[in-house]
Amino acid sequence: VLVTGGGGSIGSELCRKISSLEPKLLIIIENNEASLYAISNELLQSSATDNCKFVLGSVGNVSLLRQIIIKNNVDMIFHAAAYKHVPLVQNNPIEGIKNNVIYTRLLCDLAISLRVKHMILISTDKAVRPTNIMGASKRLAEIIIQSFAEKEISNESKKFKTIFSMVRFGNVMGSSGSVLPLFQK
């Protein structure tokens, strides 16, 4: 199992839950060194951690992702890597679109070409009728996932098909980017 953005608030919780299920191997890729360090220390202190790999890197690094997926025979990708702070993405739209949209597309292409069984996008409630660039970028990521899913389903000549799906989270208590801490303050 590969988790992109595994050091983030949602990604790290996914990693905790996945690790507790004792997968053959859990690979966590994160571009924030401090976040990767934190989740690696936490998982290394738990009992089922001999099955974890921690990779410092970007989801935009296609050659790194290709190497990880091939070398480790990845069956499932949870794509949690995203820029999700509305004001920051609003002020840095190119980076937000690159990270949330372009990199999602790159990962979908890799999933199909390398025969990954499942790819799950972690999305946000901000993608529903988006009113800002971050929400729009996540909605575009959802549309990409949907289009890949439809293409895989409709291609009857393919024997192997990657299953694409997604889930939307709302304001998750304790997650970074949630509006709840702002309200509490």
Protein backbone atom coordinates (compact mmCIF):
# COMPACT_ATOMS: atom_id res chain seq x y z
CA VAL A 1 0.00 0.00 0.00
CA LEU A 2 1.33 3.42 -0.99
CA VAL A 3 0.08 6.54 0.78
CA THR A 4 0.98 9.86 -0.81
CA GLY A 5 1.01 12.78 1.59
CA GLY A 6 1.30 10.27 4.42
CA GLY A 7 2.65 12.85 6.84
CA GLY A 8 -0.36 15.15 6.61
CA SER A 9 -3.22 15.08 9.07
CA ILE A 10 -5.49 12.85 6.96
CA GLY A 11 -2.61 10.90 5.39
CA SER A 12 -0.99 10.11 8.73
CA GLU A 13 -4.29 8.87 10.17
CA LEU A 14 -4.71 6.65 7.10
CA CYS A 15 -1.20 5.32 7.71
CA ARG A 16 -2.00 4.54 11.36
CA LYS A 17 -5.13 2.61 10.36
CA ILE A 18 -3.47 0.81 7.45
CA SER A 19 -0.47 -0.12 9.61
CA SER A 20 -2.77 -1.64 12.24
CA LEU A 21 -4.16 -3.94 9.53
CA GLU A 22 -0.62 -5.30 9.01
CA PRO A 23 -0.25 -4.95 5.24
CA LYS A 24 2.61 -6.75 3.58
CA LEU A 25 4.23 -3.33 3.12
CA LEU A 26 3.16 0.26 3.79
CA ILE A 27 5.05 2.91 1.83
CA ILE A 28 4.61 6.50 2.88
CA ILE A 29 5.74 9.30 0.58
CA GLU A 30 5.79 12.83 1.95
CA ASN A 31 7.51 16.01 0.77
CA ASN A 32 7.56 17.62 4.22
CA GLU A 33 10.55 16.30 6.14
CA ALA A 34 9.20 17.16 9.61
CA SER A 35 5.85 15.48 8.90
CA LEU A 36 7.52 12.35 7.53
CA TYR A 37 9.83 12.23 10.55
CA ALA A 38 6.86 12.51 12.92
CA ILE A 39 4.81 9.71 11.35
CA SER A 40 7.86 7.46 10.94
CA ASN A 41 8.76 7.86 14.64
CA GLU A 42 5.19 7.16 15.66
CA LEU A 43 4.87 4.04 13.50
CA LEU A 44 8.34 2.79 14.42
CA GLN A 45 7.24 2.75 18.07
CA SER A 46 4.20 0.61 17.31
CA SER A 47 4.42 -3.17 17.06
CA ALA A 48 3.71 -3.66 13.34
CA THR A 49 6.36 -1.39 11.83
CA ASP A 50 8.84 -3.74 10.20
CA ASN A 51 6.54 -3.46 7.19
CA CYS A 52 6.92 0.31 6.61
CA LYS A 53 9.05 2.37 4.23
CA PHE A 54 9.33 6.13 4.51
CA VAL A 55 10.16 8.12 1.38
CA LEU A 56 10.98 11.81 1.39
CA GLY A 57 9.89 13.08 -2.00
CA SER A 58 7.29 14.70 -4.19
CA VAL A 59 4.33 13.08 -5.90
CA GLY A 60 5.41 15.13 -8.92
CA ASN A 61 8.59 13.06 -9.21
CA VAL A 62 7.35 10.49 -11.73
CA SER A 63 10.61 8.53 -11.86
CA LEU A 64 10.63 8.16 -8.07
CA LEU A 65 6.99 7.01 -8.03
CA ARG A 66 7.58 4.60 -10.91
CA GLN A 67 10.55 3.09 -9.07
CA ILE A 68 8.57 2.77 -5.81
CA ILE A 69 5.56 1.14 -7.48
CA ILE A 70 7.61 -1.32 -9.56
CA LYS A 71 10.16 -2.25 -6.89
CA ASN A 72 7.52 -2.83 -4.23
CA ASN A 73 4.73 -4.27 -6.40
CA VAL A 74 2.22 -1.70 -5.11
CA ASP A 75 -1.40 -2.92 -5.21
CA MET A 76 -3.15 0.10 -3.75
CA ILE A 77 -2.53 3.85 -3.69
CA PHE A 78 -4.21 6.25 -1.30
CA HIS A 79 -3.59 9.69 -2.80
CA ALA A 80 -3.74 12.12 0.12
CA ALA A 81 -1.00 14.49 -1.05
CA ALA A 82 -2.55 17.90 -1.63
CA TYR A 83 -2.31 21.56 -0.87
CA LYS A 84 -5.44 22.27 1.11
CA HIS A 85 -5.10 25.58 2.94
CA VAL A 86 -7.56 27.80 1.10
CA PRO A 87 -5.77 31.17 1.57
CA LEU A 88 -2.36 29.76 0.63
CA VAL A 89 -3.64 28.09 -2.54
CA GLN A 90 -5.64 31.22 -3.38
CA ASN A 91 -2.40 33.23 -3.22
CA ASN A 92 -0.33 30.54 -4.99
CA PRO A 93 -2.72 29.18 -7.63
CA ILE A 94 -0.11 27.71 -9.99
CA GLU A 95 1.44 25.57 -7.26
CA GLY A 96 -1.99 24.53 -5.99
CA ILE A 97 -3.12 23.43 -9.44
CA LYS A 98 0.18 21.71 -10.17
CA ASN A 99 0.09 19.74 -6.92
CA ASN A 100 -3.62 18.98 -6.72
CA VAL A 101 -4.47 18.51 -10.40
CA ILE A 102 -1.40 17.75 -12.53
CA TYR A 103 0.16 15.37 -10.02
CA THR A 104 -3.15 13.52 -9.63
CA ARG A 105 -3.20 13.00 -13.40
CA LEU A 106 0.42 11.77 -13.37
CA LEU A 107 -0.39 9.31 -10.61
CA CYS A 108 -3.45 8.00 -12.50
CA ASP A 109 -1.33 7.42 -15.61
CA LEU A 110 1.25 5.54 -13.53
CA ALA A 111 -1.43 3.46 -11.79
CA ILE A 112 -2.74 2.24 -15.14
CA SER A 113 0.61 1.71 -16.84
CA LEU A 114 2.06 -0.14 -13.83
CA ARG A 115 -1.10 -2.18 -13.18
CA VAL A 116 -1.93 -0.92 -9.71
CA LYS A 117 -5.16 -2.59 -8.59
CA HIS A 118 -6.75 0.33 -6.70
CA MET A 119 -6.25 4.08 -6.55
CA ILE A 120 -8.24 6.13 -4.06
CA LEU A 121 -8.25 9.93 -4.07
CA ILE A 122 -8.74 11.69 -0.76
CA SER A 123 -10.79 14.78 -1.56
CA THR A 124 -12.55 17.52 0.36
CA ASP A 125 -15.97 19.00 0.88
CA LYS A 126 -14.52 22.19 -0.67
CA ALA A 127 -14.80 20.42 -4.06
CA VAL A 128 -18.60 20.71 -3.93
CA ARG A 129 -19.55 23.76 -5.99
CA PRO A 130 -16.10 25.27 -5.31
CA THR A 131 -15.82 28.96 -4.47
CA ASN A 132 -12.03 29.14 -4.39
CA ILE A 133 -9.00 27.84 -6.27
CA MET A 134 -8.24 25.10 -3.74
CA GLY A 135 -11.77 23.70 -3.98
CA ALA A 136 -11.72 23.97 -7.77
CA SER A 137 -8.36 22.18 -7.94
CA LYS A 138 -9.68 19.33 -5.82
CA ARG A 139 -12.85 19.16 -7.95
CA LEU A 140 -10.64 18.87 -11.04
CA ALA A 141 -8.75 16.05 -9.32
CA GLU A 142 -12.09 14.31 -8.72
CA ILE A 143 -13.06 14.74 -12.37
CA ILE A 144 -9.72 13.22 -13.39
CA ILE A 145 -10.34 10.21 -11.14
CA GLN A 146 -13.89 9.85 -12.49
CA SER A 147 -12.70 10.01 -16.10
CA PHE A 148 -10.04 7.37 -15.50
CA ALA A 149 -12.61 5.17 -13.74
CA GLU A 150 -15.06 5.48 -16.63
CA LYS A 151 -12.35 4.78 -19.19
CA GLU A 152 -11.26 1.64 -17.34
CA ILE A 153 -14.84 0.38 -16.95
CA SER A 154 -15.76 1.00 -20.59
CA ASN A 155 -12.64 -0.59 -22.08
CA GLU A 156 -13.92 -4.14 -22.50
CA SER A 157 -10.81 -5.31 -24.33
CA LYS A 158 -8.63 -4.83 -21.23
CA LYS A 159 -8.16 -7.86 -19.03
CA PHE A 160 -6.61 -5.89 -16.16
CA LYS A 161 -8.33 -2.77 -14.90
CA THR A 162 -7.31 -0.32 -12.22
CA ILE A 163 -10.20 0.56 -9.92
CA PHE A 164 -10.36 4.30 -9.30
CA SER A 165 -12.39 5.74 -6.44
CA MET A 166 -12.50 8.71 -4.13
CA VAL A 167 -13.76 9.89 -0.80
CA ARG A 168 -14.56 13.39 0.41
CA PHE A 169 -13.80 14.58 3.91
CA GLY A 170 -15.33 17.61 5.57
CA ASN A 171 -13.76 19.66 8.33
CA VAL A 172 -11.96 16.94 10.24
CA MET A 173 -11.27 17.72 13.89
CA GLY A 174 -7.55 18.17 14.46
CA SER A 175 -6.62 18.19 10.76
CA SER A 176 -4.48 20.89 9.28
CA GLY A 177 -6.44 23.15 6.99
CA SER A 178 -9.68 22.65 8.90
CA VAL A 179 -11.66 25.75 9.79
CA LEU A 180 -12.53 24.30 13.22
CA PRO A 181 -9.31 25.44 14.99
CA LEU A 182 -9.95 28.94 13.68
CA PHE A 183 -13.47 28.86 15.13
CA GLN A 184 -12.13 27.52 18.44
CA LYS A 185 -9.57 30.32 18.60
